[in-house]
Amino acid sequence: MERTIFTCVKQLSRCARPVNSRPIAKTTSFRTTSTQTPTSAHRPRTRCMHTTRPLYMQSRPPKSRDRGPKSNEDTQTDFRELDVLRNTVAPATSIDACTSDGFALNNQVRISGSGLLLIGGEAFRWWPWVKEGGVDARGAMTGKLLNSKGQWEVQPQSWGVLELVYPKPDLLIIGTGSNVTPLAPAVRKYLNDLGIRLEIQDTRNASAQFNLLATERGVGQVAAALIPIGWREGR
């Protein structure tokens, strides 16, 4: 039995031995008879075996970019004209235009001199700024919407309609005027406690997103609270 194992080991070492290496010393019971430790010059070199060549793993460039003659079939899809909401009627409260002092809705209603709340398919005029705000000599609306830290803060009584409506919308899109303004933590907590998720944008982008989501998901799921783009913070 020991002779058979020694023969197999000897044949295996002979097959795996490099060309220019010296033969391995004879062994008995898998231990060398020489007492000298082999140096690096006598030690056989190690080979790295690869099953796949790197050249075959590289993708080759196409020989030609010609796709053949253009097809004239009517079944071809033109993705430039693809519109999944083409046959969906836009809500009556979708926003057609944002003006400096108000909004123009899809139902031909023009709102000026105030903000806008769009909840449950209804449009409400909205004055979230404090009472001392009004209209200055240029006709621009002024008031206080920012706290001492520069955060957009609206008093809880300004959101009273959200407490009355049922079921409440899943998402409220807030437009903070011509620029994006961070929301105060107290306002965010108050609205989140009502079970409403928030998204803060400038008024133009907020209006465009409300039109898209209200058409796709319905006015019962998406609401908007918008400040005119001409709003200026008073001192």
Protein backbone atom coordinates (compact mmCIF):
# COMPACT_ATOMS: atom_id res chain seq x y z
CA MET A 1 0.00 0.00 0.00
CA GLU A 2 2.84 2.43 0.87
CA ARG A 3 4.60 1.57 -2.40
CA THR A 4 1.50 2.35 -4.44
CA ILE A 5 1.01 5.78 -2.82
CA PHE A 6 4.70 6.61 -3.32
CA THR A 7 4.44 5.71 -7.01
CA CYS A 8 1.40 7.99 -7.51
CA VAL A 9 3.10 10.92 -5.75
CA LYS A 10 6.25 10.43 -7.82
CA GLN A 11 4.31 10.43 -11.09
CA LEU A 12 2.28 13.49 -10.08
CA SER A 13 5.41 15.48 -9.12
CA ARG A 14 7.04 14.56 -12.40
CA CYS A 15 4.04 15.86 -14.40
CA ALA A 16 3.79 19.17 -12.46
CA ARG A 17 7.57 19.83 -12.40
CA PRO A 18 8.87 22.78 -14.47
CA VAL A 19 11.22 22.12 -17.39
CA ASN A 20 14.38 23.63 -15.87
CA SER A 21 13.93 22.42 -12.28
CA ARG A 22 15.91 19.68 -10.62
CA PRO A 23 14.26 16.38 -9.67
CA ILE A 24 12.72 16.10 -6.27
CA ALA A 25 14.71 14.00 -3.77
CA LYS A 26 13.53 10.48 -3.06
CA THR A 27 11.12 10.21 -0.21
CA THR A 28 10.19 7.53 2.22
CA SER A 29 6.93 7.84 4.07
CA PHE A 30 6.49 11.31 2.53
CA ARG A 31 9.65 12.76 4.19
CA THR A 32 12.91 13.66 2.39
CA THR A 33 16.07 11.72 3.25
CA SER A 34 18.26 14.81 2.90
CA THR A 35 18.86 16.82 6.04
CA GLN A 36 19.66 20.01 4.14
CA THR A 37 16.97 22.62 3.70
CA PRO A 38 16.41 23.38 0.00
CA THR A 39 17.36 26.91 -0.99
CA SER A 40 15.40 29.18 -3.30
CA ALA A 41 17.61 28.11 -6.22
CA HIS A 42 16.73 24.44 -5.75
CA ARG A 43 13.07 25.10 -4.90
CA PRO A 44 10.72 24.44 -7.86
CA ARG A 45 8.93 27.44 -9.31
CA THR A 46 5.18 27.87 -8.79
CA ARG A 47 2.84 27.97 -11.74
CA CYS A 48 -0.49 29.78 -11.91
CA MET A 49 -3.14 27.79 -13.74
CA HIS A 50 -5.96 29.61 -15.59
CA THR A 51 -8.92 27.87 -17.15
CA THR A 52 -9.96 30.84 -19.35
CA ARG A 53 -7.70 33.10 -21.31
CA PRO A 54 -8.19 36.87 -20.73
CA LEU A 55 -8.19 37.43 -24.49
CA TYR A 56 -11.39 35.44 -24.90
CA MET A 57 -13.12 37.41 -22.14
CA GLN A 58 -12.82 40.76 -23.96
CA SER A 59 -15.73 41.92 -26.12
CA ARG A 60 -14.85 42.61 -29.71
CA PRO A 61 -15.97 45.85 -31.38
CA PRO A 62 -18.61 45.51 -34.12
CA LYS A 63 -17.30 45.25 -37.65
CA SER A 64 -19.98 47.60 -38.99
CA ARG A 65 -22.58 49.99 -37.61
CA ASP A 66 -24.92 49.51 -40.53
CA ARG A 67 -28.35 48.40 -39.29
CA GLY A 68 -29.72 47.73 -42.72
CA PRO A 69 -32.43 49.58 -44.67
CA LYS A 70 -34.96 51.64 -42.74
CA SER A 71 -38.23 49.81 -42.09
CA ASN A 72 -41.50 51.30 -43.35
CA GLU A 73 -43.76 49.02 -41.33
CA ASP A 74 -46.63 50.58 -39.39
CA THR A 75 -45.96 48.37 -36.37
CA GLN A 76 -42.74 50.23 -35.54
CA THR A 77 -42.85 52.08 -32.18
CA ASP A 78 -41.77 55.71 -32.11
CA PHE A 79 -40.66 56.28 -28.53
CA ARG A 80 -40.50 60.04 -29.09
CA GLU A 81 -44.29 60.10 -29.34
CA LEU A 82 -44.89 57.67 -26.48
CA ASP A 83 -47.22 59.23 -23.87
CA VAL A 84 -48.85 56.88 -21.37
CA LEU A 85 -51.12 59.68 -20.07
CA ARG A 86 -52.32 60.85 -23.48
CA ASN A 87 -55.87 59.57 -23.03
CA THR A 88 -56.10 60.57 -19.36
CA VAL A 89 -58.09 63.71 -18.65
CA ALA A 90 -56.17 66.31 -16.65
CA PRO A 91 -57.85 67.43 -13.38
CA ALA A 92 -59.76 70.69 -13.41
CA THR A 93 -57.48 72.02 -10.67
CA SER A 94 -54.27 71.36 -12.58
CA ILE A 95 -52.11 74.46 -12.98
CA ASP A 96 -51.78 75.98 -16.44
CA ALA A 97 -49.53 78.91 -15.51
CA CYS A 98 -47.68 80.42 -12.55
CA THR A 99 -47.75 84.22 -12.44
CA SER A 100 -45.90 86.60 -10.17
CA ASP A 101 -48.96 87.13 -7.97
CA GLY A 102 -51.02 83.99 -8.45
CA PHE A 103 -51.97 81.03 -10.64
CA ALA A 104 -54.09 80.11 -13.65
CA LEU A 105 -55.95 76.80 -13.38
CA ASN A 106 -57.14 74.38 -16.02
CA ASN A 107 -60.81 75.24 -15.33
CA GLN A 108 -60.20 78.85 -16.51
CA VAL A 109 -60.07 80.17 -12.92
CA ARG A 110 -57.48 82.87 -12.23
CA ILE A 111 -56.24 83.33 -8.65
CA SER A 112 -54.18 86.40 -7.74
CA GLY A 113 -53.01 88.08 -4.55
CA SER A 114 -52.77 84.87 -2.51
CA GLY A 115 -51.29 81.42 -2.31
CA LEU A 116 -53.08 78.26 -3.38
CA LEU A 117 -54.15 75.06 -1.66
CA LEU A 118 -55.19 72.15 -3.90
CA ILE A 119 -56.81 69.37 -1.87
CA GLY A 120 -59.29 66.71 -2.94
CA GLY A 121 -60.04 68.31 -6.30
CA GLU A 122 -60.83 71.67 -4.69
CA ALA A 123 -58.87 74.95 -4.90
CA PHE A 124 -58.57 77.22 -1.85
CA ARG A 125 -57.08 80.69 -1.61
CA TRP A 126 -54.30 80.60 0.98
CA TRP A 127 -52.58 83.30 3.06
CA PRO A 128 -50.03 81.46 5.23
CA TRP A 129 -48.04 84.63 6.06
CA VAL A 130 -48.70 86.65 9.20
CA LYS A 131 -51.36 89.35 9.42
CA GLU A 132 -49.01 92.28 9.02
CA GLY A 133 -48.20 91.06 5.49
CA GLY A 134 -49.98 92.72 2.63
CA VAL A 135 -49.26 94.26 -0.75
CA ASP A 136 -46.48 96.80 -1.16
CA ALA A 137 -46.33 99.80 -3.53
CA ARG A 138 -45.23 97.60 -6.44
CA GLY A 139 -48.13 95.22 -5.98
CA ALA A 140 -45.93 92.39 -4.70
CA MET A 141 -47.05 90.37 -1.71
CA THR A 142 -44.94 90.69 1.41
CA GLY A 143 -45.03 89.16 4.87
CA LYS A 144 -43.19 86.76 7.18
CA LEU A 145 -42.72 83.11 6.27
CA LEU A 146 -39.15 82.53 7.47
CA ASN A 147 -38.08 82.05 11.06
CA SER A 148 -34.84 83.27 12.62
CA LYS A 149 -32.92 80.34 11.12
CA GLY A 150 -34.11 81.04 7.58
CA GLN A 151 -36.48 78.07 7.54
CA TRP A 152 -39.94 78.10 5.97
CA GLU A 153 -42.34 78.08 8.92
CA VAL A 154 -46.13 78.22 8.67
CA GLN A 155 -48.38 78.40 11.71
CA PRO A 156 -50.53 75.29 12.43
CA GLN A 157 -53.81 77.21 11.94
CA SER A 158 -52.86 77.73 8.29
CA TRP A 159 -53.18 73.96 7.71
CA GLY A 160 -56.69 73.67 9.17
CA VAL A 161 -58.25 72.32 5.98
CA LEU A 162 -55.89 69.33 6.10
CA GLU A 163 -57.29 68.39 9.51
CA LEU A 164 -60.87 68.51 8.22
CA VAL A 165 -60.52 66.63 4.95
CA TYR A 166 -61.00 62.85 4.96
CA PRO A 167 -59.43 60.74 3.63
CA LYS A 168 -56.25 62.75 3.84
CA PRO A 169 -53.90 62.95 0.87
CA ASP A 170 -50.89 60.68 0.81
CA LEU A 171 -48.49 63.33 -0.52
CA LEU A 172 -48.34 67.10 -0.08
CA ILE A 173 -46.19 69.05 -2.54
CA ILE A 174 -45.09 72.41 -1.12
CA GLY A 175 -43.95 75.22 -3.42
CA THR A 176 -41.94 77.80 -1.48
CA GLY A 177 -41.86 80.54 -4.13
CA SER A 178 -39.16 81.31 -6.66
CA ASN A 179 -36.51 79.40 -4.68
CA VAL A 180 -36.40 76.23 -2.63
CA THR A 181 -36.46 76.95 1.11
CA PRO A 182 -35.90 74.31 3.82
CA LEU A 183 -38.92 73.47 5.94
CA ALA A 184 -38.89 74.08 9.69
CA PRO A 185 -38.83 70.86 11.79
CA ALA A 186 -42.00 71.88 13.64
CA VAL A 187 -43.98 72.18 10.38
CA ARG A 188 -42.62 68.87 9.10
CA LYS A 189 -43.53 67.10 12.33
CA TYR A 190 -47.03 68.58 12.35
CA LEU A 191 -47.79 67.41 8.81
CA ASN A 192 -46.18 64.01 9.32
CA ASP A 193 -48.33 63.47 12.39
CA LEU A 194 -51.34 63.85 10.11
CA GLY A 195 -50.04 60.91 8.07
CA ILE A 196 -48.96 63.05 5.08
CA ARG A 197 -45.66 62.73 3.26
CA LEU A 198 -43.95 65.92 2.09
CA GLU A 199 -41.95 67.10 -0.88
CA ILE A 200 -40.42 70.59 -0.99
CA GLN A 201 -39.69 72.36 -4.30
CA ASP A 202 -39.84 75.79 -5.84
CA THR A 203 -43.31 76.78 -7.04
CA ARG A 204 -42.72 76.16 -10.77
CA ASN A 205 -41.42 72.61 -10.31
CA ALA A 206 -43.97 71.89 -7.58
CA SER A 207 -46.81 72.89 -9.95
CA ALA A 208 -45.46 70.69 -12.74
CA GLN A 209 -45.10 67.72 -10.42
CA PHE A 210 -48.60 68.20 -9.02
CA ASN A 211 -50.03 68.16 -12.56
CA LEU A 212 -48.25 64.91 -13.36
CA LEU A 213 -48.99 63.05 -10.12
CA ALA A 214 -52.58 64.29 -9.85
CA THR A 215 -53.24 63.05 -13.39
CA GLU A 216 -51.57 59.73 -12.72
CA ARG A 217 -52.71 58.97 -9.15
CA GLY A 218 -55.77 61.18 -8.74
CA VAL A 219 -56.46 64.38 -6.82
CA GLY A 220 -57.46 62.41 -3.74
CA GLN A 221 -53.91 61.10 -3.26
CA VAL A 222 -51.89 64.23 -4.08
CA ALA A 223 -52.29 67.76 -2.67
CA ALA A 224 -50.35 70.99 -3.16
CA ALA A 225 -49.60 74.10 -1.10
CA LEU A 226 -48.10 76.82 -3.29
CA ILE A 227 -46.75 80.32 -2.78
CA PRO A 228 -46.69 82.70 -5.81
CA ILE A 229 -43.31 83.10 -7.47
CA GLY A 230 -43.46 86.87 -6.86
CA TRP A 231 -43.55 86.47 -3.09
CA ARG A 232 -41.02 88.59 -1.19
CA GLU A 233 -40.13 88.16 2.45
CA GLY A 234 -40.90 91.28 4.48
CA ARG A 235 -38.64 92.74 7.15
